[in-house]
Amino acid sequence: MKTSVFIIEDNPMYSMYVTMKLDDMFNYTTHLFLSAEEALNNIHLKPDILVMDYMLPGMNGLEALKKVKEISPDTIIVLMSAQNDTETTSTILNAGAHTHIQKDKLAAQKIIDAIVEITGSKK
């Protein structure tokens, strides 16, 4: 069975890159959303993993994380942010995220690595 991954990112080029890389890895089914609200409208699909940016239009990633955990507590959440401080990381992890990834030039690969680690998949 394929692992279902939701990617919530308002930068279409960035999210398409991550989606294409995961789609190349045959054991993932990805769904791309540009906002947290759009993803929450589809949460009934019960994604295994949800990757989202902290800064999103409308509802931010932290607010969305809390709602996802209420609706779909088994979904594993990877939250990205440009912030790289212990307070932000602590807040994100305490809210229920599996991991926090700093959004930098290596973030796309870090996301893929985190998903592979979570699922135990081989690249």
PDB file of N, CA and C in Angstrom:
ATOM      1  N   MET A   1       0.842  -1.182   0.000  1.00  0.00           N
ATOM      2  CA  MET A   1       0.000   0.000   0.000  1.00  0.00           C
ATOM      3  C   MET A   1       0.886   1.244   0.000  1.00  0.00           C
ATOM      4  N   LYS A   2       0.533   2.206  -0.810  1.00  0.00           N
ATOM      5  CA  LYS A   2       1.317   3.428  -0.910  1.00  0.00           C
ATOM      6  C   LYS A   2       1.066   4.338   0.281  1.00  0.00           C
ATOM      7  N   THR A   3       2.113   5.041   0.678  1.00  0.00           N
ATOM      8  CA  THR A   3       2.014   6.028   1.749  1.00  0.00           C
ATOM      9  C   THR A   3       1.426   7.302   1.164  1.00  0.00           C
ATOM     10  N   SER A   4       0.394   7.819   1.809  1.00  0.00           N
ATOM     11  CA  SER A   4      -0.254   9.047   1.363  1.00  0.00           C
ATOM     12  C   SER A   4       0.400  10.246   2.038  1.00  0.00           C
ATOM     13  N   VAL A   5       0.851  11.195   1.220  1.00  0.00           N
ATOM     14  CA  VAL A   5       1.535  12.377   1.729  1.00  0.00           C
ATOM     15  C   VAL A   5       0.815  13.624   1.230  1.00  0.00           C
ATOM     16  N   PHE A   6       0.385  14.473   2.157  1.00  0.00           N
ATOM     17  CA  PHE A   6      -0.147  15.788   1.822  1.00  0.00           C
ATOM     18  C   PHE A   6       1.002  16.777   1.921  1.00  0.00           C
ATOM     19  N   ILE A   7       1.125  17.640   0.925  1.00  0.00           N
ATOM     20  CA  ILE A   7       2.117  18.708   0.960  1.00  0.00           C
ATOM     21  C   ILE A   7       1.356  20.028   0.869  1.00  0.00           C
ATOM     22  N   ILE A   8       1.534  20.852   1.895  1.00  0.00           N
ATOM     23  CA  ILE A   8       0.873  22.153   1.934  1.00  0.00           C
ATOM     24  C   ILE A   8       1.956  23.217   1.866  1.00  0.00           C
ATOM     25  N   GLU A   9       2.017  23.882   0.750  1.00  0.00           N
ATOM     26  CA  GLU A   9       3.067  24.874   0.503  1.00  0.00           C
ATOM     27  C   GLU A   9       2.513  25.881  -0.498  1.00  0.00           C
ATOM     28  N   ASP A  10       2.629  27.169  -0.189  1.00  0.00           N
ATOM     29  CA  ASP A  10       2.080  28.194  -1.070  1.00  0.00           C
ATOM     30  C   ASP A  10       3.026  28.589  -2.199  1.00  0.00           C
ATOM     31  N   ASN A  11       4.221  28.015  -2.234  1.00  0.00           N
ATOM     32  CA  ASN A  11       5.148  28.247  -3.336  1.00  0.00           C
ATOM     33  C   ASN A  11       5.025  27.067  -4.292  1.00  0.00           C
ATOM     34  N   PRO A  12       4.317  27.249  -5.421  1.00  0.00           N
ATOM     35  CA  PRO A  12       4.048  26.124  -6.333  1.00  0.00           C
ATOM     36  C   PRO A  12       5.310  25.440  -6.868  1.00  0.00           C
ATOM     37  N   MET A  13       6.347  26.202  -7.186  1.00  0.00           N
ATOM     38  CA  MET A  13       7.557  25.585  -7.736  1.00  0.00           C
ATOM     39  C   MET A  13       8.244  24.701  -6.694  1.00  0.00           C
ATOM     40  N   TYR A  14       8.319  25.180  -5.487  1.00  0.00           N
ATOM     41  CA  TYR A  14       8.957  24.437  -4.407  1.00  0.00           C
ATOM     42  C   TYR A  14       8.191  23.155  -4.124  1.00  0.00           C
ATOM     43  N   SER A  15       6.878  23.281  -4.004  1.00  0.00           N
ATOM     44  CA  SER A  15       6.065  22.110  -3.680  1.00  0.00           C
ATOM     45  C   SER A  15       6.031  21.109  -4.831  1.00  0.00           C
ATOM     46  N   MET A  16       6.059  21.608  -6.053  1.00  0.00           N
ATOM     47  CA  MET A  16       6.069  20.682  -7.197  1.00  0.00           C
ATOM     48  C   MET A  16       7.377  19.897  -7.232  1.00  0.00           C
ATOM     49  N   TYR A  17       8.491  20.524  -6.870  1.00  0.00           N
ATOM     50  CA  TYR A  17       9.770  19.818  -6.825  1.00  0.00           C
ATOM     51  C   TYR A  17       9.714  18.658  -5.827  1.00  0.00           C
ATOM     52  N   VAL A  18       9.243  18.941  -4.613  1.00  0.00           N
ATOM     53  CA  VAL A  18       9.147  17.891  -3.596  1.00  0.00           C
ATOM     54  C   VAL A  18       8.179  16.806  -4.042  1.00  0.00           C
ATOM     55  N   THR A  19       7.050  17.212  -4.601  1.00  0.00           N
ATOM     56  CA  THR A  19       6.045  16.249  -5.075  1.00  0.00           C
ATOM     57  C   THR A  19       6.620  15.347  -6.161  1.00  0.00           C
ATOM     58  N   MET A  20       7.332  15.945  -7.118  1.00  0.00           N
ATOM     59  CA  MET A  20       7.919  15.141  -8.200  1.00  0.00           C
ATOM     60  C   MET A  20       8.941  14.150  -7.654  1.00  0.00           C
ATOM     61  N   LYS A  21       9.759  14.583  -6.715  1.00  0.00           N
ATOM     62  CA  LYS A  21      10.756  13.682  -6.132  1.00  0.00           C
ATOM     63  C   LYS A  21      10.073  12.517  -5.410  1.00  0.00           C
ATOM     64  N   LEU A  22       9.017  12.799  -4.662  1.00  0.00           N
ATOM     65  CA  LEU A  22       8.309  11.730  -3.949  1.00  0.00           C
ATOM     66  C   LEU A  22       7.567  10.818  -4.906  1.00  0.00           C
ATOM     67  N   ASP A  23       6.978  11.397  -5.945  1.00  0.00           N
ATOM     68  CA  ASP A  23       6.269  10.582  -6.933  1.00  0.00           C
ATOM     69  C   ASP A  23       7.219   9.639  -7.670  1.00  0.00           C
ATOM     70  N   ASP A  24       8.490  10.058  -7.822  1.00  0.00           N
ATOM     71  CA  ASP A  24       9.495   9.192  -8.448  1.00  0.00           C
ATOM     72  C   ASP A  24       9.802   7.980  -7.569  1.00  0.00           C
ATOM     73  N   MET A  25       9.552   8.133  -6.286  1.00  0.00           N
ATOM     74  CA  MET A  25       9.752   7.038  -5.342  1.00  0.00           C
ATOM     75  C   MET A  25       8.420   6.299  -5.278  1.00  0.00           C
ATOM     76  N   PHE A  26       8.318   5.186  -5.923  1.00  0.00           N
ATOM     77  CA  PHE A  26       7.061   4.515  -6.247  1.00  0.00           C
ATOM     78  C   PHE A  26       6.117   4.225  -5.089  1.00  0.00           C
ATOM     79  N   ASN A  27       6.537   4.326  -3.864  1.00  0.00           N
ATOM     80  CA  ASN A  27       5.658   3.947  -2.762  1.00  0.00           C
ATOM     81  C   ASN A  27       4.952   5.125  -2.098  1.00  0.00           C
ATOM     82  N   TYR A  28       4.891   6.282  -2.765  1.00  0.00           N
ATOM     83  CA  TYR A  28       4.210   7.450  -2.225  1.00  0.00           C
ATOM     84  C   TYR A  28       3.117   7.930  -3.171  1.00  0.00           C
ATOM     85  N   THR A  29       2.016   8.363  -2.590  1.00  0.00           N
ATOM     86  CA  THR A  29       0.977   9.070  -3.324  1.00  0.00           C
ATOM     87  C   THR A  29       0.922  10.460  -2.717  1.00  0.00           C
ATOM     88  N   THR A  30       1.152  11.470  -3.518  1.00  0.00           N
ATOM     89  CA  THR A  30       1.193  12.822  -2.986  1.00  0.00           C
ATOM     90  C   THR A  30      -0.021  13.625  -3.425  1.00  0.00           C
ATOM     91  N   HIS A  31      -0.434  14.517  -2.544  1.00  0.00           N
ATOM     92  CA  HIS A  31      -1.509  15.464  -2.822  1.00  0.00           C
ATOM     93  C   HIS A  31      -0.972  16.835  -2.462  1.00  0.00           C
ATOM     94  N   LEU A  32      -1.073  17.760  -3.384  1.00  0.00           N
ATOM     95  CA  LEU A  32      -0.512  19.084  -3.205  1.00  0.00           C
ATOM     96  C   LEU A  32      -1.623  20.091  -2.926  1.00  0.00           C
ATOM     97  N   PHE A  33      -1.422  20.917  -1.895  1.00  0.00           N
ATOM     98  CA  PHE A  33      -2.383  21.950  -1.529  1.00  0.00           C
ATOM     99  C   PHE A  33      -1.641  23.265  -1.330  1.00  0.00           C
ATOM    100  N   LEU A  34      -2.273  24.368  -1.713  1.00  0.00           N
ATOM    101  CA  LEU A  34      -1.656  25.679  -1.586  1.00  0.00           C
ATOM    102  C   LEU A  34      -2.030  26.388  -0.288  1.00  0.00           C
ATOM    103  N   SER A  35      -2.992  25.825   0.452  1.00  0.00           N
ATOM    104  CA  SER A  35      -3.392  26.432   1.726  1.00  0.00           C
ATOM    105  C   SER A  35      -3.781  25.338   2.718  1.00  0.00           C
ATOM    106  N   ALA A  36      -3.729  25.698   3.991  1.00  0.00           N
ATOM    107  CA  ALA A  36      -4.122  24.766   5.048  1.00  0.00           C
ATOM    108  C   ALA A  36      -5.617  24.465   4.956  1.00  0.00           C
ATOM    109  N   GLU A  37      -6.398  25.474   4.631  1.00  0.00           N
ATOM    110  CA  GLU A  37      -7.846  25.279   4.526  1.00  0.00           C
ATOM    111  C   GLU A  37      -8.184  24.237   3.457  1.00  0.00           C
ATOM    112  N   GLU A  38      -7.496  24.310   2.324  1.00  0.00           N
ATOM    113  CA  GLU A  38      -7.718  23.356   1.243  1.00  0.00           C
ATOM    114  C   GLU A  38      -7.368  21.933   1.698  1.00  0.00           C
ATOM    115  N   ALA A  39      -6.274  21.789   2.405  1.00  0.00           N
ATOM    116  CA  ALA A  39      -5.879  20.469   2.902  1.00  0.00           C
ATOM    117  C   ALA A  39      -6.874  19.959   3.939  1.00  0.00           C
ATOM    118  N   LEU A  40      -7.306  20.833   4.844  1.00  0.00           N
ATOM    119  CA  LEU A  40      -8.271  20.415   5.858  1.00  0.00           C
ATOM    120  C   LEU A  40      -9.592  19.977   5.242  1.00  0.00           C
ATOM    121  N   ASN A  41      -9.958  20.578   4.119  1.00  0.00           N
ATOM    122  CA  ASN A  41     -11.170  20.146   3.409  1.00  0.00           C
ATOM    123  C   ASN A  41     -11.029  18.739   2.836  1.00  0.00           C
ATOM    124  N   ASN A  42      -9.789  18.253   2.755  1.00  0.00           N
ATOM    125  CA  ASN A  42      -9.526  16.916   2.213  1.00  0.00           C
ATOM    126  C   ASN A  42      -8.946  15.960   3.250  1.00  0.00           C
ATOM    127  N   ILE A  43      -8.960  16.355   4.508  1.00  0.00           N
ATOM    128  CA  ILE A  43      -8.353  15.544   5.561  1.00  0.00           C
ATOM    129  C   ILE A  43      -9.072  14.203   5.728  1.00  0.00           C
ATOM    130  N   HIS A  44     -10.300  14.120   5.234  1.00  0.00           N
ATOM    131  CA  HIS A  44     -11.034  12.849   5.289  1.00  0.00           C
ATOM    132  C   HIS A  44     -10.310  11.745   4.509  1.00  0.00           C
ATOM    133  N   LEU A  45      -9.360  12.123   3.649  1.00  0.00           N
ATOM    134  CA  LEU A  45      -8.563  11.146   2.915  1.00  0.00           C
ATOM    135  C   LEU A  45      -7.522  10.483   3.811  1.00  0.00           C
ATOM    136  N   LYS A  46      -7.395  10.967   5.052  1.00  0.00           N
ATOM    137  CA  LYS A  46      -6.518  10.392   6.075  1.00  0.00           C
ATOM    138  C   LYS A  46      -5.078  10.206   5.585  1.00  0.00           C
ATOM    139  N   PRO A  47      -4.380  11.312   5.354  1.00  0.00           N
ATOM    140  CA  PRO A  47      -2.975  11.169   4.925  1.00  0.00           C
ATOM    141  C   PRO A  47      -2.137  10.529   6.026  1.00  0.00           C
ATOM    142  N   ASP A  48      -1.149   9.754   5.601  1.00  0.00           N
ATOM    143  CA  ASP A  48      -0.214   9.166   6.557  1.00  0.00           C
ATOM    144  C   ASP A  48       0.738  10.235   7.093  1.00  0.00           C
ATOM    145  N   ILE A  49       1.170  11.108   6.170  1.00  0.00           N
ATOM    146  CA  ILE A  49       2.133  12.157   6.506  1.00  0.00           C
ATOM    147  C   ILE A  49       1.639  13.471   5.906  1.00  0.00           C
ATOM    148  N   LEU A  50       1.814  14.533   6.650  1.00  0.00           N
ATOM    149  CA  LEU A  50       1.450  15.855   6.170  1.00  0.00           C
ATOM    150  C   LEU A  50       2.665  16.757   6.351  1.00  0.00           C
ATOM    151  N   VAL A  51       3.108  17.352   5.250  1.00  0.00           N
ATOM    152  CA  VAL A  51       4.245  18.268   5.270  1.00  0.00           C
ATOM    153  C   VAL A  51       3.701  19.650   4.975  1.00  0.00           C
ATOM    154  N   MET A  52       3.976  20.610   5.855  1.00  0.00           N
ATOM    155  CA  MET A  52       3.460  21.952   5.589  1.00  0.00           C
ATOM    156  C   MET A  52       4.408  23.033   6.046  1.00  0.00           C
ATOM    157  N   ASP A  53       4.247  24.167   5.411  1.00  0.00           N
ATOM    158  CA  ASP A  53       4.994  25.355   5.761  1.00  0.00           C
ATOM    159  C   ASP A  53       4.331  26.007   6.969  1.00  0.00           C
ATOM    160  N   TYR A  54       5.106  26.693   7.754  1.00  0.00           N
ATOM    161  CA  TYR A  54       4.582  27.419   8.910  1.00  0.00           C
ATOM    162  C   TYR A  54       3.830  28.670   8.465  1.00  0.00           C
ATOM    163  N   MET A  55       4.422  29.404   7.518  1.00  0.00           N
ATOM    164  CA  MET A  55       3.811  30.636   7.022  1.00  0.00           C
ATOM    165  C   MET A  55       2.996  30.327   5.771  1.00  0.00           C
ATOM    166  N   LEU A  56       1.697  30.305   5.950  1.00  0.00           N
ATOM    167  CA  LEU A  56       0.781  30.037   4.851  1.00  0.00           C
ATOM    168  C   LEU A  56      -0.239  31.164   4.790  1.00  0.00           C
ATOM    169  N   PRO A  57      -0.825  31.392   3.619  1.00  0.00           N
ATOM    170  CA  PRO A  57      -1.894  32.397   3.562  1.00  0.00           C
ATOM    171  C   PRO A  57      -3.102  31.896   4.348  1.00  0.00           C
ATOM    172  N   GLY A  58      -3.786  32.785   5.032  1.00  0.00           N
ATOM    173  CA  GLY A  58      -4.922  32.366   5.841  1.00  0.00           C
ATOM    174  C   GLY A  58      -4.429  31.727   7.126  1.00  0.00           C
ATOM    175  N   MET A  59      -4.838  30.501   7.358  1.00  0.00           N
ATOM    176  CA  MET A  59      -4.446  29.764   8.557  1.00  0.00           C
ATOM    177  C   MET A  59      -2.964  29.389   8.487  1.00  0.00           C
ATOM    178  N   ASN A  60      -2.222  29.689   9.563  1.00  0.00           N
ATOM    179  CA  ASN A  60      -0.800  29.333   9.532  1.00  0.00           C
ATOM    180  C   ASN A  60      -0.606  27.851   9.878  1.00  0.00           C
ATOM    181  N   GLY A  61       0.614  27.383   9.706  1.00  0.00           N
ATOM    182  CA  GLY A  61       0.917  25.969   9.901  1.00  0.00           C
ATOM    183  C   GLY A  61       0.693  25.464  11.311  1.00  0.00           C
ATOM    184  N   LEU A  62       0.964  26.299  12.306  1.00  0.00           N
ATOM    185  CA  LEU A  62       0.768  25.880  13.692  1.00  0.00           C
ATOM    186  C   LEU A  62      -0.723  25.692  13.993  1.00  0.00           C
ATOM    187  N   GLU A  63      -1.552  26.614  13.519  1.00  0.00           N
ATOM    188  CA  GLU A  63      -3.002  26.477  13.695  1.00  0.00           C
ATOM    189  C   GLU A  63      -3.509  25.226  12.975  1.00  0.00           C
ATOM    190  N   ALA A  64      -3.013  25.024  11.763  1.00  0.00           N
ATOM    191  CA  ALA A  64      -3.427  23.850  10.976  1.00  0.00           C
ATOM    192  C   ALA A  64      -2.980  22.556  11.647  1.00  0.00           C
ATOM    193  N   LEU A  65      -1.773  22.548  12.193  1.00  0.00           N
ATOM    194  CA  LEU A  65      -1.255  21.361  12.878  1.00  0.00           C
ATOM    195  C   LEU A  65      -2.208  20.948  14.005  1.00  0.00           C
ATOM    196  N   LYS A  66      -2.637  21.908  14.795  1.00  0.00           N
ATOM    197  CA  LYS A  66      -3.544  21.616  15.910  1.00  0.00           C
ATOM    198  C   LYS A  66      -4.869  21.047  15.419  1.00  0.00           C
ATOM    199  N   LYS A  67      -5.391  21.599  14.318  1.00  0.00           N
ATOM    200  CA  LYS A  67      -6.662  21.094  13.778  1.00  0.00           C
ATOM    201  C   LYS A  67      -6.507  19.688  13.207  1.00  0.00           C
ATOM    202  N   VAL A  68      -5.399  19.451  12.499  1.00  0.00           N
ATOM    203  CA  VAL A  68      -5.156  18.119  11.940  1.00  0.00           C
ATOM    204  C   VAL A  68      -5.066  17.095  13.064  1.00  0.00           C
ATOM    205  N   LYS A  69      -4.357  17.426  14.126  1.00  0.00           N
ATOM    206  CA  LYS A  69      -4.201  16.499  15.254  1.00  0.00           C
ATOM    207  C   LYS A  69      -5.543  16.181  15.913  1.00  0.00           C
ATOM    208  N   GLU A  70      -6.485  17.130  15.907  1.00  0.00           N
ATOM    209  CA  GLU A  70      -7.823  16.882  16.441  1.00  0.00           C
ATOM    210  C   GLU A  70      -8.607  15.925  15.543  1.00  0.00           C
ATOM    211  N   ILE A  71      -8.507  16.144  14.235  1.00  0.00           N
ATOM    212  CA  ILE A  71      -9.304  15.393  13.261  1.00  0.00           C
ATOM    213  C   ILE A  71      -8.673  14.055  12.903  1.00  0.00           C
ATOM    214  N   SER A  72      -7.363  14.060  12.729  1.00  0.00           N
ATOM    215  CA  SER A  72      -6.640  12.879  12.251  1.00  0.00           C
ATOM    216  C   SER A  72      -5.375  12.686  13.100  1.00  0.00           C
ATOM    217  N   PRO A  73      -5.544  12.232  14.347  1.00  0.00           N
ATOM    218  CA  PRO A  73      -4.402  12.178  15.276  1.00  0.00           C
ATOM    219  C   PRO A  73      -3.261  11.260  14.850  1.00  0.00           C
ATOM    220  N   ASP A  74      -3.508  10.301  13.968  1.00  0.00           N
ATOM    221  CA  ASP A  74      -2.452   9.389  13.540  1.00  0.00           C
ATOM    222  C   ASP A  74      -1.597   9.949  12.402  1.00  0.00           C
ATOM    223  N   THR A  75      -2.022  11.072  11.820  1.00  0.00           N
ATOM    224  CA  THR A  75      -1.243  11.678  10.745  1.00  0.00           C
ATOM    225  C   THR A  75       0.050  12.242  11.322  1.00  0.00           C
ATOM    226  N   ILE A  76       1.164  11.899  10.705  1.00  0.00           N
ATOM    227  CA  ILE A  76       2.477  12.377  11.126  1.00  0.00           C
ATOM    228  C   ILE A  76       2.726  13.704  10.414  1.00  0.00           C
ATOM    229  N   ILE A  77       3.101  14.716  11.185  1.00  0.00           N
ATOM    230  CA  ILE A  77       3.251  16.057  10.619  1.00  0.00           C
ATOM    231  C   ILE A  77       4.702  16.503  10.652  1.00  0.00           C
ATOM    232  N   VAL A  78       5.154  16.996   9.494  1.00  0.00           N
ATOM    233  CA  VAL A  78       6.468  17.606   9.346  1.00  0.00           C
ATOM    234  C   VAL A  78       6.203  19.076   9.045  1.00  0.00           C
ATOM    235  N   LEU A  79       6.689  19.951   9.894  1.00  0.00           N
ATOM    236  CA  LEU A  79       6.437  21.382   9.722  1.00  0.00           C
ATOM    237  C   LEU A  79       7.737  22.088   9.370  1.00  0.00           C
ATOM    238  N   MET A  80       7.675  22.924   8.338  1.00  0.00           N
ATOM    239  CA  MET A  80       8.835  23.693   7.890  1.00  0.00           C
ATOM    240  C   MET A  80       8.656  25.145   8.293  1.00  0.00           C
ATOM    241  N   SER A  81       9.751  25.799   8.617  1.00  0.00           N
ATOM    242  CA  SER A  81       9.697  27.238   8.848  1.00  0.00           C
ATOM    243  C   SER A  81      11.058  27.845   8.562  1.00  0.00           C
ATOM    244  N   ALA A  82      11.046  29.123   8.268  1.00  0.00           N
ATOM    245  CA  ALA A  82      12.299  29.836   8.029  1.00  0.00           C
ATOM    246  C   ALA A  82      13.036  30.080   9.343  1.00  0.00           C
ATOM    247  N   GLN A  83      12.305  30.020  10.451  1.00  0.00           N
ATOM    248  CA  GLN A  83      12.922  30.240  11.753  1.00  0.00           C
ATOM    249  C   GLN A  83      13.811  29.053  12.131  1.00  0.00           C
ATOM    250  N   ASN A  84      14.934  29.373  12.736  1.00  0.00           N
ATOM    251  CA  ASN A  84      15.846  28.324  13.184  1.00  0.00           C
ATOM    252  C   ASN A  84      16.278  28.626  14.611  1.00  0.00           C
ATOM    253  N   ASP A  85      15.279  28.676  15.499  1.00  0.00           N
ATOM    254  CA  ASP A  85      15.603  28.923  16.898  1.00  0.00           C
ATOM    255  C   ASP A  85      14.919  27.862  17.751  1.00  0.00           C
ATOM    256  N   THR A  86      15.445  27.664  18.924  1.00  0.00           N
ATOM    257  CA  THR A  86      14.928  26.587  19.783  1.00  0.00           C
ATOM    258  C   THR A  86      13.501  26.845  20.238  1.00  0.00           C
ATOM    259  N   GLU A  87      13.122  28.109  20.404  1.00  0.00           N
ATOM    260  CA  GLU A  87      11.758  28.419  20.835  1.00  0.00           C
ATOM    261  C   GLU A  87      10.733  27.986  19.776  1.00  0.00           C
ATOM    262  N   THR A  88      10.995  28.312  18.511  1.00  0.00           N
ATOM    263  CA  THR A  88      10.092  27.917  17.431  1.00  0.00           C
ATOM    264  C   THR A  88      10.034  26.401  17.318  1.00  0.00           C
ATOM    265  N   THR A  89      11.187  25.766  17.332  1.00  0.00           N
ATOM    266  CA  THR A  89      11.230  24.307  17.238  1.00  0.00           C
ATOM    267  C   THR A  89      10.471  23.675  18.397  1.00  0.00           C
ATOM    268  N   SER A  90      10.680  24.166  19.595  1.00  0.00           N
ATOM    269  CA  SER A  90      10.000  23.637  20.767  1.00  0.00           C
ATOM    270  C   SER A  90       8.483  23.804  20.653  1.00  0.00           C
ATOM    271  N   THR A  91       8.039  24.970  20.223  1.00  0.00           N
ATOM    272  CA  THR A  91       6.600  25.223  20.045  1.00  0.00           C
ATOM    273  C   THR A  91       5.999  24.258  19.039  1.00  0.00           C
ATOM    274  N   ILE A  92       6.675  24.065  17.929  1.00  0.00           N
ATOM    275  CA  ILE A  92       6.184  23.186  16.864  1.00  0.00           C
ATOM    276  C   ILE A  92       6.121  21.738  17.348  1.00  0.00           C
ATOM    277  N   LEU A  93       7.176  21.275  18.002  1.00  0.00           N
ATOM    278  CA  LEU A  93       7.201  19.890  18.478  1.00  0.00           C
ATOM    279  C   LEU A  93       6.199  19.667  19.607  1.00  0.00           C
ATOM    280  N   ASN A  94       6.063  20.627  20.499  1.00  0.00           N
ATOM    281  CA  ASN A  94       5.098  20.501  21.593  1.00  0.00           C
ATOM    282  C   ASN A  94       3.657  20.510  21.101  1.00  0.00           C
ATOM    283  N   ALA A  95       3.418  21.111  19.938  1.00  0.00           N
ATOM    284  CA  ALA A  95       2.073  21.129  19.359  1.00  0.00           C
ATOM    285  C   ALA A  95       1.728  19.805  18.676  1.00  0.00           C
ATOM    286  N   GLY A  96       2.732  18.933  18.514  1.00  0.00           N
ATOM    287  CA  GLY A  96       2.450  17.616  17.962  1.00  0.00           C
ATOM    288  C   GLY A  96       3.133  17.268  16.656  1.00  0.00           C
ATOM    289  N   ALA A  97       4.003  18.145  16.171  1.00  0.00           N
ATOM    290  CA  ALA A  97       4.733  17.824  14.941  1.00  0.00           C
ATOM    291  C   ALA A  97       5.757  16.730  15.217  1.00  0.00           C
ATOM    292  N   HIS A  98       5.986  15.890  14.230  1.00  0.00           N
ATOM    293  CA  HIS A  98       7.013  14.849  14.325  1.00  0.00           C
ATOM    294  C   HIS A  98       8.391  15.474  14.262  1.00  0.00           C
ATOM    295  N   THR A  99       8.536  16.458  13.379  1.00  0.00           N
ATOM    296  CA  THR A  99       9.821  17.115  13.210  1.00  0.00           C
ATOM    297  C   THR A  99       9.620  18.521  12.668  1.00  0.00           C
ATOM    298  N   HIS A 100      10.630  19.350  12.888  1.00  0.00           N
ATOM    299  CA  HIS A 100      10.668  20.714  12.365  1.00  0.00           C
ATOM    300  C   HIS A 100      11.869  20.802  11.441  1.00  0.00           C
ATOM    301  N   ILE A 101      11.630  21.299  10.238  1.00  0.00           N
ATOM    302  CA  ILE A 101      12.702  21.450   9.259  1.00  0.00           C
ATOM    303  C   ILE A 101      12.859  22.926   8.938  1.00  0.00           C
ATOM    304  N   GLN A 102      14.095  23.403   9.048  1.00  0.00           N
ATOM    305  CA  GLN A 102      14.346  24.786   8.676  1.00  0.00           C
ATOM    306  C   GLN A 102      14.262  24.907   7.168  1.00  0.00           C
ATOM    307  N   LYS A 103      13.528  25.902   6.728  1.00  0.00           N
ATOM    308  CA  LYS A 103      13.348  26.119   5.295  1.00  0.00           C
ATOM    309  C   LYS A 103      14.560  26.899   4.773  1.00  0.00           C
ATOM    310  N   ASP A 104      15.473  26.162   4.169  1.00  0.00           N
ATOM    311  CA  ASP A 104      16.667  26.746   3.579  1.00  0.00           C
ATOM    312  C   ASP A 104      16.898  26.059   2.238  1.00  0.00           C
ATOM    313  N   LYS A 105      18.074  26.246   1.663  1.00  0.00           N
ATOM    314  CA  LYS A 105      18.314  25.682   0.334  1.00  0.00           C
ATOM    315  C   LYS A 105      18.328  24.150   0.332  1.00  0.00           C
ATOM    316  N   LEU A 106      18.494  23.527   1.482  1.00  0.00           N
ATOM    317  CA  LEU A 106      18.500  22.066   1.579  1.00  0.00           C
ATOM    318  C   LEU A 106      17.182  21.491   2.092  1.00  0.00           C
ATOM    319  N   ALA A 107      16.196  22.344   2.310  1.00  0.00           N
ATOM    320  CA  ALA A 107      14.941  21.907   2.927  1.00  0.00           C
ATOM    321  C   ALA A 107      14.218  20.835   2.125  1.00  0.00           C
ATOM    322  N   ALA A 108      14.169  20.961   0.813  1.00  0.00           N
ATOM    323  CA  ALA A 108      13.458  19.971   0.004  1.00  0.00           C
ATOM    324  C   ALA A 108      14.044  18.575   0.219  1.00  0.00           C
ATOM    325  N   GLN A 109      15.358  18.471   0.222  1.00  0.00           N
ATOM    326  CA  GLN A 109      15.985  17.177   0.462  1.00  0.00           C
ATOM    327  C   GLN A 109      15.762  16.716   1.894  1.00  0.00           C
ATOM    328  N   LYS A 110      15.773  17.645   2.852  1.00  0.00           N
ATOM    329  CA  LYS A 110      15.509  17.287   4.246  1.00  0.00           C
ATOM    330  C   LYS A 110      14.091  16.735   4.407  1.00  0.00           C
ATOM    331  N   ILE A 111      13.144  17.305   3.671  1.00  0.00           N
ATOM    332  CA  ILE A 111      11.757  16.813   3.711  1.00  0.00           C
ATOM    333  C   ILE A 111      11.702  15.386   3.192  1.00  0.00           C
ATOM    334  N   ILE A 112      12.321  15.170   2.054  1.00  0.00           N
ATOM    335  CA  ILE A 112      12.335  13.826   1.460  1.00  0.00           C
ATOM    336  C   ILE A 112      13.007  12.847   2.419  1.00  0.00           C
ATOM    337  N   ASP A 113      14.133  13.240   2.987  1.00  0.00           N
ATOM    338  CA  ASP A 113      14.836  12.378   3.947  1.00  0.00           C
ATOM    339  C   ASP A 113      13.962  12.072   5.160  1.00  0.00           C
ATOM    340  N   ALA A 114      13.237  13.072   5.654  1.00  0.00           N
ATOM    341  CA  ALA A 114      12.364  12.862   6.818  1.00  0.00           C
ATOM    342  C   ALA A 114      11.250  11.877   6.487  1.00  0.00           C
ATOM    343  N   ILE A 115      10.669  12.005   5.313  1.00  0.00           N
ATOM    344  CA  ILE A 115       9.592  11.096   4.909  1.00  0.00           C
ATOM    345  C   ILE A 115      10.122   9.678   4.747  1.00  0.00           C
ATOM    346  N   VAL A 116      11.276   9.551   4.142  1.00  0.00           N
ATOM    347  CA  VAL A 116      11.898   8.233   3.990  1.00  0.00           C
ATOM    348  C   VAL A 116      12.178   7.620   5.367  1.00  0.00           C
ATOM    349  N   GLU A 117      12.677   8.448   6.287  1.00  0.00           N
ATOM    350  CA  GLU A 117      12.966   7.965   7.646  1.00  0.00           C
ATOM    351  C   GLU A 117      11.671   7.523   8.345  1.00  0.00           C
ATOM    352  N   ILE A 118      10.627   8.312   8.213  1.00  0.00           N
ATOM    353  CA  ILE A 118       9.355   8.008   8.854  1.00  0.00           C
ATOM    354  C   ILE A 118       8.777   6.689   8.332  1.00  0.00           C
ATOM    355  N   THR A 119       8.861   6.483   7.044  1.00  0.00           N
ATOM    356  CA  THR A 119       8.243   5.307   6.430  1.00  0.00           C
ATOM    357  C   THR A 119       9.191   4.115   6.353  1.00  0.00           C
ATOM    358  N   GLY A 120      10.480   4.347   6.611  1.00  0.00           N
ATOM    359  CA  GLY A 120      11.433   3.255   6.514  1.00  0.00           C
ATOM    360  C   GLY A 120      11.714   2.847   5.074  1.00  0.00           C
ATOM    361  N   SER A 121      11.377   3.730   4.132  1.00  0.00           N
ATOM    362  CA  SER A 121      11.569   3.433   2.705  1.00  0.00           C
ATOM    363  C   SER A 121      13.011   3.590   2.288  1.00  0.00           C
ATOM    364  N   LYS A 122      13.319   2.990   1.192  1.00  0.00           N
ATOM    365  CA  LYS A 122      14.631   3.117   0.582  1.00  0.00           C
ATOM    366  C   LYS A 122      14.524   4.143  -0.544  1.00  0.00           C
ATOM    367  N   LYS A 123      15.578   4.937  -0.699  1.00  0.00           N
ATOM    368  CA  LYS A 123      15.607   5.915  -1.794  1.00  0.00           C
ATOM    369  C   LYS A 123      15.845   5.211  -3.102  1.00  0.00           C
TER     370      LYS A 123
END
